[in-house]
Amino acid sequence: MEIFKLVFSPIEVNTYILADQSGICAILDCGCYDEKEFRKLTDLIDEKNLTPVLLLNTHCHLDHVFGNRFILARYNLSTFCSREEDKNRRNAAQVAAIFDLTMPTPPEPGAFLADGQVISFGDIELRVSQVPGHSKGSLAFYSEKDEVVFTGDALFAGSIGRTDLPGGDYETLINSIRDKLFVLPPETIVYPGHGDPTTIKREMRTNPYFNLP
């Protein structure tokens, strides 16, 4: 798997493009806020000769879905996400106004994903894990073959997602990380929704929200 990362919007969300050797790719958490940022995304896709076939969302807070309408218009792709995130999707435009940002309501999902489900595109397989706590329907996407996991806003380098937003719960998030993420192989690379990558081993040893040997 080849992984491209772009950082978008005033909220600085990580948008990932996951591509196999043939160029078939998925777009994860498309945070393009405006036409200029969307051109940056499409220019990279065109430059690398990629073919987007899937749009994924770890969750549907506004910064992670800014670009979903662009992707639908350009590539005819609706997002795959958790059913539990539909309220966040529907409320995204209203929440954006609180940040002095504007956006239309993101389009309806193309499908809903369940815990343990395996999704495939090209020769890439991702296993879906429910990791609620930051939001009610937060998902992580894990590739065993490539030893990577995309955690959205559940787990960051040296931190965890905020839990003071609607649907958030601190204990639920801590349990999600312990039960669904810290059981992955220690060398698994963590690609979070904001900030730099880390590893499962590093977070188990040094993340201040956990007290593990």
C-alpha atoms as a PDB file:
ATOM      1  CA  MET A   1       0.000   0.000   0.000  1.00  0.00           C
ATOM      2  CA  GLU A   2       1.176   3.494  -0.836  1.00  0.00           C
ATOM      3  CA  ILE A   3      -0.101   6.171   1.534  1.00  0.00           C
ATOM      4  CA  PHE A   4      -0.379   9.845   0.652  1.00  0.00           C
ATOM      5  CA  LYS A   5      -1.264  12.423   3.313  1.00  0.00           C
ATOM      6  CA  LEU A   6      -2.651  15.899   2.725  1.00  0.00           C
ATOM      7  CA  VAL A   7      -3.618  18.358   5.472  1.00  0.00           C
ATOM      8  CA  PHE A   8      -6.727  20.437   4.824  1.00  0.00           C
ATOM      9  CA  SER A   9      -8.976  23.170   6.230  1.00  0.00           C
ATOM     10  CA  PRO A  10      -8.415  25.611   9.101  1.00  0.00           C
ATOM     11  CA  ILE A  11      -8.880  22.609  11.439  1.00  0.00           C
ATOM     12  CA  GLU A  12      -5.884  20.849   9.848  1.00  0.00           C
ATOM     13  CA  VAL A  13      -7.374  17.426   9.308  1.00  0.00           C
ATOM     14  CA  ASN A  14      -5.345  14.616   7.747  1.00  0.00           C
ATOM     15  CA  THR A  15      -6.778  13.304   4.502  1.00  0.00           C
ATOM     16  CA  TYR A  16      -5.259  10.028   3.336  1.00  0.00           C
ATOM     17  CA  ILE A  17      -5.163   8.390  -0.071  1.00  0.00           C
ATOM     18  CA  LEU A  18      -4.485   4.643   0.078  1.00  0.00           C
ATOM     19  CA  ALA A  19      -3.363   3.138  -3.215  1.00  0.00           C
ATOM     20  CA  ASP A  20      -2.358  -0.292  -4.442  1.00  0.00           C
ATOM     21  CA  GLN A  21       0.328  -0.913  -7.061  1.00  0.00           C
ATOM     22  CA  SER A  22      -2.146  -0.556  -9.926  1.00  0.00           C
ATOM     23  CA  GLY A  23      -3.295   2.872  -8.752  1.00  0.00           C
ATOM     24  CA  ILE A  24      -6.687   1.833  -7.434  1.00  0.00           C
ATOM     25  CA  CYS A  25      -7.246   3.912  -4.328  1.00  0.00           C
ATOM     26  CA  ALA A  26      -9.513   4.904  -1.475  1.00  0.00           C
ATOM     27  CA  ILE A  27      -9.843   8.403  -0.041  1.00  0.00           C
ATOM     28  CA  LEU A  28     -10.099   8.512   3.743  1.00  0.00           C
ATOM     29  CA  ASP A  29     -11.569  11.489   5.660  1.00  0.00           C
ATOM     30  CA  CYS A  30     -11.688  13.966   2.795  1.00  0.00           C
ATOM     31  CA  GLY A  31     -11.250  17.323   4.530  1.00  0.00           C
ATOM     32  CA  CYS A  32     -10.978  19.626   1.495  1.00  0.00           C
ATOM     33  CA  TYR A  33     -12.628  22.859   2.598  1.00  0.00           C
ATOM     34  CA  ASP A  34     -12.689  24.785  -0.683  1.00  0.00           C
ATOM     35  CA  GLU A  35     -12.035  24.488  -4.408  1.00  0.00           C
ATOM     36  CA  LYS A  36      -8.333  25.308  -4.014  1.00  0.00           C
ATOM     37  CA  GLU A  37      -7.839  22.440  -1.573  1.00  0.00           C
ATOM     38  CA  PHE A  38      -9.891  20.104  -3.729  1.00  0.00           C
ATOM     39  CA  ARG A  39      -7.672  20.917  -6.716  1.00  0.00           C
ATOM     40  CA  LYS A  40      -4.661  20.031  -4.569  1.00  0.00           C
ATOM     41  CA  LEU A  41      -6.225  16.625  -3.932  1.00  0.00           C
ATOM     42  CA  THR A  42      -7.203  15.987  -7.545  1.00  0.00           C
ATOM     43  CA  ASP A  43      -3.834  17.196  -8.836  1.00  0.00           C
ATOM     44  CA  LEU A  44      -2.106  14.590  -6.660  1.00  0.00           C
ATOM     45  CA  ILE A  45      -4.516  11.897  -7.854  1.00  0.00           C
ATOM     46  CA  ASP A  46      -3.896  12.834 -11.494  1.00  0.00           C
ATOM     47  CA  GLU A  47      -0.121  13.157 -11.052  1.00  0.00           C
ATOM     48  CA  LYS A  48       0.114   9.673  -9.512  1.00  0.00           C
ATOM     49  CA  ASN A  49      -2.321   8.163 -12.052  1.00  0.00           C
ATOM     50  CA  LEU A  50      -4.651   6.988  -9.298  1.00  0.00           C
ATOM     51  CA  THR A  51      -8.220   5.775  -9.674  1.00  0.00           C
ATOM     52  CA  PRO A  52     -10.456   6.511  -6.673  1.00  0.00           C
ATOM     53  CA  VAL A  53     -13.023   3.761  -6.100  1.00  0.00           C
ATOM     54  CA  LEU A  54     -13.948   4.272  -2.448  1.00  0.00           C
ATOM     55  CA  LEU A  55     -14.564   7.104   0.026  1.00  0.00           C
ATOM     56  CA  LEU A  56     -14.259   6.246   3.721  1.00  0.00           C
ATOM     57  CA  ASN A  57     -14.927   8.177   6.909  1.00  0.00           C
ATOM     58  CA  THR A  58     -13.591   7.304  10.332  1.00  0.00           C
ATOM     59  CA  HIS A  59     -16.382   9.566  11.626  1.00  0.00           C
ATOM     60  CA  CYS A  60     -18.498  12.452  10.383  1.00  0.00           C
ATOM     61  CA  HIS A  61     -17.433  15.503  12.366  1.00  0.00           C
ATOM     62  CA  LEU A  62     -17.384  18.520  10.081  1.00  0.00           C
ATOM     63  CA  ASP A  63     -13.618  18.614   9.433  1.00  0.00           C
ATOM     64  CA  HIS A  64     -13.604  15.014   8.227  1.00  0.00           C
ATOM     65  CA  VAL A  65     -16.497  15.472   5.780  1.00  0.00           C
ATOM     66  CA  PHE A  66     -15.826  18.929   4.308  1.00  0.00           C
ATOM     67  CA  GLY A  67     -14.856  17.324   0.987  1.00  0.00           C
ATOM     68  CA  ASN A  68     -17.480  14.605   0.672  1.00  0.00           C
ATOM     69  CA  ARG A  69     -19.647  16.648  -1.676  1.00  0.00           C
ATOM     70  CA  PHE A  70     -16.616  17.373  -3.883  1.00  0.00           C
ATOM     71  CA  ILE A  71     -15.830  13.661  -4.094  1.00  0.00           C
ATOM     72  CA  LEU A  72     -19.409  12.797  -5.004  1.00  0.00           C
ATOM     73  CA  ALA A  73     -19.460  15.395  -7.781  1.00  0.00           C
ATOM     74  CA  ARG A  74     -16.033  14.520  -9.208  1.00  0.00           C
ATOM     75  CA  TYR A  75     -15.803  10.745  -8.732  1.00  0.00           C
ATOM     76  CA  ASN A  76     -19.420   9.721  -8.037  1.00  0.00           C
ATOM     77  CA  LEU A  77     -18.401   8.244  -4.680  1.00  0.00           C
ATOM     78  CA  SER A  78     -20.535   8.448  -1.539  1.00  0.00           C
ATOM     79  CA  THR A  79     -18.882   7.740   1.763  1.00  0.00           C
ATOM     80  CA  PHE A  80     -18.839   4.480   3.689  1.00  0.00           C
ATOM     81  CA  CYS A  81     -19.106   5.159   7.432  1.00  0.00           C
ATOM     82  CA  SER A  82     -20.855   4.042  10.614  1.00  0.00           C
ATOM     83  CA  ARG A  83     -24.633   4.317  10.840  1.00  0.00           C
ATOM     84  CA  GLU A  84     -24.084   5.920  14.249  1.00  0.00           C
ATOM     85  CA  GLU A  85     -22.469   8.925  12.545  1.00  0.00           C
ATOM     86  CA  ASP A  86     -25.480  10.067  10.553  1.00  0.00           C
ATOM     87  CA  LYS A  87     -26.478  12.657  13.171  1.00  0.00           C
ATOM     88  CA  ASN A  88     -23.007  14.202  12.997  1.00  0.00           C
ATOM     89  CA  ARG A  89     -23.264  14.282   9.205  1.00  0.00           C
ATOM     90  CA  ARG A  90     -26.657  15.984   9.286  1.00  0.00           C
ATOM     91  CA  ASN A  91     -25.475  18.520  11.888  1.00  0.00           C
ATOM     92  CA  ALA A  92     -22.143  19.309  10.216  1.00  0.00           C
ATOM     93  CA  ALA A  93     -23.271  22.532   8.528  1.00  0.00           C
ATOM     94  CA  GLN A  94     -24.730  23.866  11.763  1.00  0.00           C
ATOM     95  CA  VAL A  95     -21.559  23.031  13.693  1.00  0.00           C
ATOM     96  CA  ALA A  96     -19.429  24.669  10.984  1.00  0.00           C
ATOM     97  CA  ALA A  97     -21.180  27.979  11.652  1.00  0.00           C
ATOM     98  CA  ILE A  98     -19.950  27.842  15.262  1.00  0.00           C
ATOM     99  CA  PHE A  99     -16.394  27.890  13.874  1.00  0.00           C
ATOM    100  CA  ASP A 100     -17.277  30.733  11.460  1.00  0.00           C
ATOM    101  CA  LEU A 101     -17.043  28.276   8.593  1.00  0.00           C
ATOM    102  CA  THR A 102     -19.616  27.457   5.932  1.00  0.00           C
ATOM    103  CA  MET A 103     -20.489  24.191   4.258  1.00  0.00           C
ATOM    104  CA  PRO A 104     -23.551  22.494   2.765  1.00  0.00           C
ATOM    105  CA  THR A 105     -24.932  19.419   4.468  1.00  0.00           C
ATOM    106  CA  PRO A 106     -22.735  16.498   3.360  1.00  0.00           C
ATOM    107  CA  PRO A 107     -24.412  13.968   1.045  1.00  0.00           C
ATOM    108  CA  GLU A 108     -25.964  10.801   2.404  1.00  0.00           C
ATOM    109  CA  PRO A 109     -23.643   7.802   2.821  1.00  0.00           C
ATOM    110  CA  GLY A 110     -23.441   5.152   0.164  1.00  0.00           C
ATOM    111  CA  ALA A 111     -23.251   2.365   2.750  1.00  0.00           C
ATOM    112  CA  PHE A 112     -22.800   1.764   6.460  1.00  0.00           C
ATOM    113  CA  LEU A 113     -19.922  -0.236   7.915  1.00  0.00           C
ATOM    114  CA  ALA A 114     -20.023  -2.694  10.826  1.00  0.00           C
ATOM    115  CA  ASP A 115     -17.457  -3.810  13.373  1.00  0.00           C
ATOM    116  CA  GLY A 116     -15.280  -6.612  12.019  1.00  0.00           C
ATOM    117  CA  GLN A 117     -16.281  -6.037   8.417  1.00  0.00           C
ATOM    118  CA  VAL A 118     -13.544  -6.366   5.782  1.00  0.00           C
ATOM    119  CA  ILE A 119     -13.583  -3.962   2.869  1.00  0.00           C
ATOM    120  CA  SER A 120     -11.486  -4.490  -0.253  1.00  0.00           C
ATOM    121  CA  PHE A 121     -10.315  -2.299  -3.115  1.00  0.00           C
ATOM    122  CA  GLY A 122      -7.668  -3.394  -5.585  1.00  0.00           C
ATOM    123  CA  ASP A 123      -5.402  -5.750  -3.642  1.00  0.00           C
ATOM    124  CA  ILE A 124      -5.885  -3.878  -0.347  1.00  0.00           C
ATOM    125  CA  GLU A 125      -8.011  -5.177   2.518  1.00  0.00           C
ATOM    126  CA  LEU A 126      -9.010  -3.120   5.544  1.00  0.00           C
ATOM    127  CA  ARG A 127     -10.701  -4.461   8.656  1.00  0.00           C
ATOM    128  CA  VAL A 128     -13.215  -2.158  10.271  1.00  0.00           C
ATOM    129  CA  SER A 129     -13.153  -1.709  14.042  1.00  0.00           C
ATOM    130  CA  GLN A 130     -15.639   0.298  16.067  1.00  0.00           C
ATOM    131  CA  VAL A 131     -13.745   2.640  18.400  1.00  0.00           C
ATOM    132  CA  PRO A 132     -16.435   4.857  19.951  1.00  0.00           C
ATOM    133  CA  GLY A 133     -15.705   7.494  22.540  1.00  0.00           C
ATOM    134  CA  HIS A 134     -14.625  10.528  20.536  1.00  0.00           C
ATOM    135  CA  SER A 135     -17.893  10.157  18.685  1.00  0.00           C
ATOM    136  CA  LYS A 136     -20.551   7.508  18.929  1.00  0.00           C
ATOM    137  CA  GLY A 137     -19.731   5.843  15.624  1.00  0.00           C
ATOM    138  CA  SER A 138     -15.969   6.321  15.302  1.00  0.00           C
ATOM    139  CA  LEU A 139     -14.228   3.662  13.212  1.00  0.00           C
ATOM    140  CA  ALA A 140     -10.629   2.574  12.705  1.00  0.00           C
ATOM    141  CA  PHE A 141      -9.361   0.872   9.547  1.00  0.00           C
ATOM    142  CA  TYR A 142      -6.594  -1.737   9.907  1.00  0.00           C
ATOM    143  CA  SER A 143      -4.452  -3.387   7.258  1.00  0.00           C
ATOM    144  CA  GLU A 144      -2.783  -6.506   8.634  1.00  0.00           C
ATOM    145  CA  LYS A 145      -0.731  -6.956   5.462  1.00  0.00           C
ATOM    146  CA  ASP A 146       0.701  -3.437   5.560  1.00  0.00           C
ATOM    147  CA  GLU A 147       0.806  -3.164   9.376  1.00  0.00           C
ATOM    148  CA  VAL A 148      -0.999   0.172   9.495  1.00  0.00           C
ATOM    149  CA  VAL A 149      -4.129   1.453  11.210  1.00  0.00           C
ATOM    150  CA  PHE A 150      -6.051   4.645  10.536  1.00  0.00           C
ATOM    151  CA  THR A 151      -7.551   5.780  13.823  1.00  0.00           C
ATOM    152  CA  GLY A 152      -9.373   9.006  13.006  1.00  0.00           C
ATOM    153  CA  ASP A 153      -9.683  11.075  16.183  1.00  0.00           C
ATOM    154  CA  ALA A 154      -9.608   8.134  18.591  1.00  0.00           C
ATOM    155  CA  LEU A 155      -5.838   7.882  19.121  1.00  0.00           C
ATOM    156  CA  PHE A 156      -3.127  10.452  18.402  1.00  0.00           C
ATOM    157  CA  ALA A 157       0.614  10.589  18.937  1.00  0.00           C
ATOM    158  CA  GLY A 158       0.806  11.235  22.668  1.00  0.00           C
ATOM    159  CA  SER A 159      -2.879  11.951  23.097  1.00  0.00           C
ATOM    160  CA  ILE A 160      -6.466  10.815  22.536  1.00  0.00           C
ATOM    161  CA  GLY A 161      -9.521  12.392  20.950  1.00  0.00           C
ATOM    162  CA  ARG A 162     -11.589  14.932  22.841  1.00  0.00           C
ATOM    163  CA  THR A 163     -14.693  13.528  24.505  1.00  0.00           C
ATOM    164  CA  ASP A 164     -16.645  16.694  25.315  1.00  0.00           C
ATOM    165  CA  LEU A 165     -18.564  16.750  22.027  1.00  0.00           C
ATOM    166  CA  PRO A 166     -22.044  15.231  21.574  1.00  0.00           C
ATOM    167  CA  GLY A 167     -21.725  11.432  21.574  1.00  0.00           C
ATOM    168  CA  GLY A 168     -18.319  11.519  23.241  1.00  0.00           C
ATOM    169  CA  ASP A 169     -17.466   9.624  26.421  1.00  0.00           C
ATOM    170  CA  TYR A 170     -14.063   9.396  28.083  1.00  0.00           C
ATOM    171  CA  GLU A 171     -14.311   5.896  29.570  1.00  0.00           C
ATOM    172  CA  THR A 172     -15.744   4.530  26.341  1.00  0.00           C
ATOM    173  CA  LEU A 173     -12.829   5.953  24.377  1.00  0.00           C
ATOM    174  CA  ILE A 174     -10.220   4.599  26.785  1.00  0.00           C
ATOM    175  CA  ASN A 175     -11.808   1.143  26.558  1.00  0.00           C
ATOM    176  CA  SER A 176     -12.003   1.355  22.761  1.00  0.00           C
ATOM    177  CA  ILE A 177      -8.301   2.105  22.493  1.00  0.00           C
ATOM    178  CA  ARG A 178      -7.330  -0.662  24.933  1.00  0.00           C
ATOM    179  CA  ASP A 179      -9.660  -3.298  23.483  1.00  0.00           C
ATOM    180  CA  LYS A 180      -9.458  -2.547  19.759  1.00  0.00           C
ATOM    181  CA  LEU A 181      -6.171  -0.733  19.100  1.00  0.00           C
ATOM    182  CA  PHE A 182      -3.706  -1.836  21.767  1.00  0.00           C
ATOM    183  CA  VAL A 183      -4.349  -5.471  20.812  1.00  0.00           C
ATOM    184  CA  LEU A 184      -2.781  -4.842  17.388  1.00  0.00           C
ATOM    185  CA  PRO A 185       0.858  -5.842  16.789  1.00  0.00           C
ATOM    186  CA  PRO A 186       3.154  -3.356  18.575  1.00  0.00           C
ATOM    187  CA  GLU A 187       4.920  -2.290  15.375  1.00  0.00           C
ATOM    188  CA  THR A 188       1.653  -1.258  13.716  1.00  0.00           C
ATOM    189  CA  ILE A 189       1.932   2.299  12.410  1.00  0.00           C
ATOM    190  CA  VAL A 190      -0.877   4.577  13.570  1.00  0.00           C
ATOM    191  CA  TYR A 191      -2.093   7.202  11.109  1.00  0.00           C
ATOM    192  CA  PRO A 192      -4.321   9.596  13.086  1.00  0.00           C
ATOM    193  CA  GLY A 193      -6.875  12.164  11.973  1.00  0.00           C
ATOM    194  CA  HIS A 194      -4.608  15.035  13.037  1.00  0.00           C
ATOM    195  CA  GLY A 195      -0.879  15.329  13.559  1.00  0.00           C
ATOM    196  CA  ASP A 196       1.978  12.930  12.932  1.00  0.00           C
ATOM    197  CA  PRO A 197       2.032   9.130  12.736  1.00  0.00           C
ATOM    198  CA  THR A 198       3.043   7.011  15.692  1.00  0.00           C
ATOM    199  CA  THR A 199       3.054   3.301  16.582  1.00  0.00           C
ATOM    200  CA  ILE A 200       0.980   1.117  18.830  1.00  0.00           C
ATOM    201  CA  LYS A 201       4.099   0.267  20.863  1.00  0.00           C
ATOM    202  CA  ARG A 202       4.978   3.913  21.415  1.00  0.00           C
ATOM    203  CA  GLU A 203       1.468   4.820  22.553  1.00  0.00           C
ATOM    204  CA  MET A 204       1.207   1.855  24.893  1.00  0.00           C
ATOM    205  CA  ARG A 205       4.490   2.874  26.531  1.00  0.00           C
ATOM    206  CA  THR A 206       4.313   6.661  26.543  1.00  0.00           C
ATOM    207  CA  ASN A 207       0.767   7.930  25.977  1.00  0.00           C
ATOM    208  CA  PRO A 208      -0.072   9.837  29.200  1.00  0.00           C
ATOM    209  CA  TYR A 209      -3.699   8.644  29.176  1.00  0.00           C
ATOM    210  CA  PHE A 210      -2.626   5.070  29.846  1.00  0.00           C
ATOM    211  CA  ASN A 211      -0.658   3.418  32.609  1.00  0.00           C
ATOM    212  CA  LEU A 212       0.653   0.256  31.037  1.00  0.00           C
ATOM    213  CA  PRO A 213       3.910  -1.653  31.648  1.00  0.00           C
END
